[in-house]
C-alpha atoms as a PDB file:
ATOM      1  CA  UNK A   1       0.000   0.000   0.000  1.00  0.00           C
ATOM      2  CA  UNK A   2       1.202   3.434  -0.843  1.00  0.00           C
ATOM      3  CA  UNK A   3       2.085   5.869   1.963  1.00  0.00           C
ATOM      4  CA  UNK A   4       0.488   8.561  -0.235  1.00  0.00           C
ATOM      5  CA  UNK A   5      -2.723   6.634  -0.329  1.00  0.00           C
ATOM      6  CA  UNK A   6      -5.724   8.624  -1.503  1.00  0.00           C
ATOM      7  CA  UNK A   7      -7.931   6.630   0.818  1.00  0.00           C
ATOM      8  CA  UNK A   8      -7.130   7.044   4.472  1.00  0.00           C
ATOM      9  CA  UNK A   9      -8.959   5.480   7.328  1.00  0.00           C
ATOM     10  CA  UNK A  10      -8.471   7.970  10.096  1.00  0.00           C
ATOM     11  CA  UNK A  11      -9.086   7.299  13.713  1.00  0.00           C
ATOM     12  CA  UNK A  12      -9.604   9.855  16.372  1.00  0.00           C
ATOM     13  CA  UNK A  13      -9.526   8.568  19.911  1.00  0.00           C
ATOM     14  CA  UNK A  14     -10.920  11.375  21.954  1.00  0.00           C
ATOM     15  CA  UNK A  15     -12.998  11.331  25.082  1.00  0.00           C
ATOM     16  CA  UNK A  16     -16.604  11.971  25.776  1.00  0.00           C
ATOM     17  CA  UNK A  17     -15.720  13.862  28.937  1.00  0.00           C
ATOM     18  CA  UNK A  18     -17.667  13.014  32.060  1.00  0.00           C
ATOM     19  CA  UNK A  19     -16.711  16.258  33.815  1.00  0.00           C
ATOM     20  CA  UNK A  20     -14.603  19.341  33.107  1.00  0.00           C
ATOM     21  CA  UNK A  21     -12.204  18.422  35.904  1.00  0.00           C
ATOM     22  CA  UNK A  22     -10.292  15.877  33.858  1.00  0.00           C
ATOM     23  CA  UNK A  23      -6.713  16.667  34.805  1.00  0.00           C
ATOM     24  CA  UNK A  24      -5.861  13.108  35.889  1.00  0.00           C
ATOM     25  CA  UNK A  25      -7.472  11.364  32.938  1.00  0.00           C
ATOM     26  CA  UNK A  26      -5.741   9.491  30.147  1.00  0.00           C
ATOM     27  CA  UNK A  27      -6.742   7.145  27.394  1.00  0.00           C
ATOM     28  CA  UNK A  28      -4.440   4.612  25.748  1.00  0.00           C
ATOM     29  CA  UNK A  29      -5.245   2.298  22.862  1.00  0.00           C
ATOM     30  CA  UNK A  30      -3.650  -0.973  23.936  1.00  0.00           C
ATOM     31  CA  UNK A  31      -4.714  -3.033  20.941  1.00  0.00           C
ATOM     32  CA  UNK A  32      -6.227  -2.368  17.539  1.00  0.00           C
ATOM     33  CA  UNK A  33      -7.161  -5.168  15.148  1.00  0.00           C
ATOM     34  CA  UNK A  34      -8.981  -4.909  11.833  1.00  0.00           C
ATOM     35  CA  UNK A  35     -10.399  -7.448   9.447  1.00  0.00           C
ATOM     36  CA  UNK A  36     -11.173  -6.101   5.996  1.00  0.00           C
ATOM     37  CA  UNK A  37     -13.044  -8.108   3.402  1.00  0.00           C
ATOM     38  CA  UNK A  38     -13.781  -6.981  -0.141  1.00  0.00           C
ATOM     39  CA  UNK A  39     -17.223  -8.201  -1.200  1.00  0.00           C
ATOM     40  CA  UNK A  40     -18.125  -9.348  -4.723  1.00  0.00           C
ATOM     41  CA  UNK A  41     -20.011  -6.091  -5.280  1.00  0.00           C
ATOM     42  CA  UNK A  42     -16.852  -4.083  -4.450  1.00  0.00           C
ATOM     43  CA  UNK A  43     -18.029  -2.982  -1.008  1.00  0.00           C
ATOM     44  CA  UNK A  44     -15.647  -3.318   1.928  1.00  0.00           C
ATOM     45  CA  UNK A  45     -16.764  -5.091   5.127  1.00  0.00           C
ATOM     46  CA  UNK A  46     -14.684  -3.900   8.089  1.00  0.00           C
ATOM     47  CA  UNK A  47     -14.569  -5.302  11.628  1.00  0.00           C
ATOM     48  CA  UNK A  48     -12.426  -3.409  14.119  1.00  0.00           C
ATOM     49  CA  UNK A  49     -11.610  -4.608  17.620  1.00  0.00           C
ATOM     50  CA  UNK A  50     -10.252  -1.821  19.812  1.00  0.00           C
ATOM     51  CA  UNK A  51      -9.027  -2.277  23.370  1.00  0.00           C
ATOM     52  CA  UNK A  52      -8.702   0.981  25.300  1.00  0.00           C
ATOM     53  CA  UNK A  53      -7.303   1.629  28.762  1.00  0.00           C
ATOM     54  CA  UNK A  54      -9.138   4.406  30.579  1.00  0.00           C
ATOM     55  CA  UNK A  55      -7.523   6.202  33.502  1.00  0.00           C
ATOM     56  CA  UNK A  56      -9.974   8.420  35.326  1.00  0.00           C
ATOM     57  CA  UNK A  57     -13.622   8.777  34.387  1.00  0.00           C
ATOM     58  CA  UNK A  58     -14.664   8.585  30.713  1.00  0.00           C
ATOM     59  CA  UNK A  59     -17.933   8.091  28.876  1.00  0.00           C
ATOM     60  CA  UNK A  60     -16.371   6.490  25.772  1.00  0.00           C
ATOM     61  CA  UNK A  61     -14.427   7.306  22.630  1.00  0.00           C
ATOM     62  CA  UNK A  62     -14.826   8.858  19.205  1.00  0.00           C
ATOM     63  CA  UNK A  63     -14.108   6.933  16.000  1.00  0.00           C
ATOM     64  CA  UNK A  64     -13.535   9.308  13.100  1.00  0.00           C
ATOM     65  CA  UNK A  65     -13.394   8.142   9.472  1.00  0.00           C
ATOM     66  CA  UNK A  66     -12.785  10.382   6.433  1.00  0.00           C
ATOM     67  CA  UNK A  67     -15.424  10.025   3.710  1.00  0.00           C
ATOM     68  CA  UNK A  68     -14.584  12.826   1.225  1.00  0.00           C
ATOM     69  CA  UNK A  69     -11.309  12.739  -0.668  1.00  0.00           C
ATOM     70  CA  UNK A  70      -9.503  15.169  -2.940  1.00  0.00           C
ATOM     71  CA  UNK A  71      -5.953  14.427  -4.064  1.00  0.00           C
ATOM     72  CA  UNK A  72      -3.292  16.421  -5.849  1.00  0.00           C
ATOM     73  CA  UNK A  73      -3.615  13.947  -8.739  1.00  0.00           C
ATOM     74  CA  UNK A  74      -7.201  15.095  -9.338  1.00  0.00           C
ATOM     75  CA  UNK A  75      -9.047  12.212  -7.693  1.00  0.00           C
ATOM     76  CA  UNK A  76     -12.236  13.353  -5.980  1.00  0.00           C
ATOM     77  CA  UNK A  77     -14.688  10.888  -4.505  1.00  0.00           C
ATOM     78  CA  UNK A  78     -16.938  10.199  -1.548  1.00  0.00           C
ATOM     79  CA  UNK A  79     -16.871   7.024   0.486  1.00  0.00           C
ATOM     80  CA  UNK A  80     -20.232   5.564   1.469  1.00  0.00           C
ATOM     81  CA  UNK A  81     -20.122   4.469   5.083  1.00  0.00           C
ATOM     82  CA  UNK A  82     -22.682   2.620   7.208  1.00  0.00           C
ATOM     83  CA  UNK A  83     -22.037   1.545  10.793  1.00  0.00           C
ATOM     84  CA  UNK A  84     -23.663  -1.866  11.189  1.00  0.00           C
ATOM     85  CA  UNK A  85     -22.945  -2.426  14.877  1.00  0.00           C
ATOM     86  CA  UNK A  86     -20.934  -1.356  17.901  1.00  0.00           C
ATOM     87  CA  UNK A  87     -20.678  -3.894  20.715  1.00  0.00           C
ATOM     88  CA  UNK A  88     -18.604  -4.591  23.782  1.00  0.00           C
ATOM     89  CA  UNK A  89     -16.353  -7.662  24.000  1.00  0.00           C
ATOM     90  CA  UNK A  90     -19.276  -9.879  25.044  1.00  0.00           C
ATOM     91  CA  UNK A  91     -21.447  -8.767  22.115  1.00  0.00           C
ATOM     92  CA  UNK A  92     -23.705  -6.373  24.024  1.00  0.00           C
ATOM     93  CA  UNK A  93     -24.778  -3.391  21.863  1.00  0.00           C
ATOM     94  CA  UNK A  94     -23.243  -0.008  22.662  1.00  0.00           C
ATOM     95  CA  UNK A  95     -24.977   3.327  22.232  1.00  0.00           C
ATOM     96  CA  UNK A  96     -23.626   5.316  19.283  1.00  0.00           C
ATOM     97  CA  UNK A  97     -24.272   8.641  17.637  1.00  0.00           C
ATOM     98  CA  UNK A  98     -23.093   9.710  14.183  1.00  0.00           C
ATOM     99  CA  UNK A  99     -22.301  13.217  12.946  1.00  0.00           C
ATOM    100  CA  UNK A 100     -20.557  14.814   9.968  1.00  0.00           C
ATOM    101  CA  UNK A 101     -17.544  16.973  10.749  1.00  0.00           C
ATOM    102  CA  UNK A 102     -15.805  18.532   7.734  1.00  0.00           C
ATOM    103  CA  UNK A 103     -14.824  15.574   5.511  1.00  0.00           C
ATOM    104  CA  UNK A 104     -15.322  12.977   8.250  1.00  0.00           C
ATOM    105  CA  UNK A 105     -18.068  10.853   9.745  1.00  0.00           C
ATOM    106  CA  UNK A 106     -17.586  10.894  13.493  1.00  0.00           C
ATOM    107  CA  UNK A 107     -19.050   8.128  15.660  1.00  0.00           C
ATOM    108  CA  UNK A 108     -19.513   8.770  19.347  1.00  0.00           C
ATOM    109  CA  UNK A 109     -19.396   5.441  21.209  1.00  0.00           C
ATOM    110  CA  UNK A 110     -20.508   5.236  24.829  1.00  0.00           C
ATOM    111  CA  UNK A 111     -18.649   2.617  26.868  1.00  0.00           C
ATOM    112  CA  UNK A 112     -20.169   1.661  30.238  1.00  0.00           C
ATOM    113  CA  UNK A 113     -17.704   1.316  33.103  1.00  0.00           C
ATOM    114  CA  UNK A 114     -14.944   3.298  31.368  1.00  0.00           C
ATOM    115  CA  UNK A 115     -13.407   4.474  34.624  1.00  0.00           C
ATOM    116  CA  UNK A 116      -9.971   3.188  35.592  1.00  0.00           C
ATOM    117  CA  UNK A 117     -10.603   0.153  33.401  1.00  0.00           C
ATOM    118  CA  UNK A 118      -9.674  -1.565  30.173  1.00  0.00           C
ATOM    119  CA  UNK A 119     -12.555  -2.100  27.744  1.00  0.00           C
ATOM    120  CA  UNK A 120     -12.824  -3.700  24.299  1.00  0.00           C
ATOM    121  CA  UNK A 121     -15.258  -2.591  21.619  1.00  0.00           C
ATOM    122  CA  UNK A 122     -16.042  -4.195  18.271  1.00  0.00           C
ATOM    123  CA  UNK A 123     -17.175  -1.990  15.371  1.00  0.00           C
ATOM    124  CA  UNK A 124     -18.611  -3.387  12.163  1.00  0.00           C
ATOM    125  CA  UNK A 125     -19.190  -1.177   9.172  1.00  0.00           C
ATOM    126  CA  UNK A 126     -19.595  -1.333   5.424  1.00  0.00           C
ATOM    127  CA  UNK A 127     -17.876   1.059   3.031  1.00  0.00           C
ATOM    128  CA  UNK A 128     -18.798   1.567  -0.605  1.00  0.00           C
ATOM    129  CA  UNK A 129     -16.801   3.355  -3.295  1.00  0.00           C
ATOM    130  CA  UNK A 130     -13.541   2.480  -1.519  1.00  0.00           C
ATOM    131  CA  UNK A 131     -11.940   0.670  -4.455  1.00  0.00           C
ATOM    132  CA  UNK A 132     -10.267   2.505  -7.331  1.00  0.00           C
ATOM    133  CA  UNK A 133     -10.544   0.919 -10.774  1.00  0.00           C
ATOM    134  CA  UNK A 134      -7.988   1.503 -13.536  1.00  0.00           C
ATOM    135  CA  UNK A 135      -7.528   0.047 -17.026  1.00  0.00           C
ATOM    136  CA  UNK A 136      -4.759  -2.334 -16.027  1.00  0.00           C
ATOM    137  CA  UNK A 137      -5.476  -2.922 -12.320  1.00  0.00           C
ATOM    138  CA  UNK A 138      -7.753  -2.254  -9.356  1.00  0.00           C
ATOM    139  CA  UNK A 139      -6.577  -0.779  -6.058  1.00  0.00           C
ATOM    140  CA  UNK A 140      -7.609  -0.700  -2.448  1.00  0.00           C
ATOM    141  CA  UNK A 141      -5.623   1.803  -0.395  1.00  0.00           C
ATOM    142  CA  UNK A 142      -6.616   1.445   3.222  1.00  0.00           C
ATOM    143  CA  UNK A 143      -4.624   3.013   6.044  1.00  0.00           C
ATOM    144  CA  UNK A 144      -6.541   1.052   8.631  1.00  0.00           C
ATOM    145  CA  UNK A 145      -5.102   2.579  11.802  1.00  0.00           C
ATOM    146  CA  UNK A 146      -5.004   6.126  10.478  1.00  0.00           C
ATOM    147  CA  UNK A 147      -2.857   8.871  11.874  1.00  0.00           C
ATOM    148  CA  UNK A 148      -5.252  11.019  13.846  1.00  0.00           C
ATOM    149  CA  UNK A 149      -5.430   9.390  17.270  1.00  0.00           C
ATOM    150  CA  UNK A 150      -5.248  12.031  19.981  1.00  0.00           C
ATOM    151  CA  UNK A 151      -4.512   9.630  22.810  1.00  0.00           C
ATOM    152  CA  UNK A 152      -1.402   7.597  23.562  1.00  0.00           C
ATOM    153  CA  UNK A 153      -0.906   4.676  21.207  1.00  0.00           C
ATOM    154  CA  UNK A 154       0.931   2.585  23.820  1.00  0.00           C
ATOM    155  CA  UNK A 155       0.694   2.220  27.573  1.00  0.00           C
ATOM    156  CA  UNK A 156       3.378   4.107  29.493  1.00  0.00           C
ATOM    157  CA  UNK A 157       6.488   2.140  30.384  1.00  0.00           C
ATOM    158  CA  UNK A 158       7.277   1.645  34.087  1.00  0.00           C
END
């Protein structure tokens, strides 16, 4: 995959703050796994498993995915995106809310018990218009982990 990929999957790990007094709070993504399957119709089925460590009191995380693309090479397209489910590690549904923010779709995911705890969430979504077709080949550029996390990507070392 090209580092100059026109299709980026961006993640934003930010908090749904429980209170303004959040000086002792931190959020670390301890594990991120993704399974990506290209369907016969060209759609992309994505399953993400994210394990987050919450220090202090949190309500959940944001998952931000870009859906509008413009490249210097003249490619302009919009990704169709549909969240199919958000569950905890045991398969219980999680409350979500979707909003558009600039060229992103931003999912707010509430995570019960996200206070001084480690929690795992599983997101399933379908993306359309994510493949690029050319005369001599087809391409899927997918930067699955993105580069827009605002929390620590690793736990602190002792």
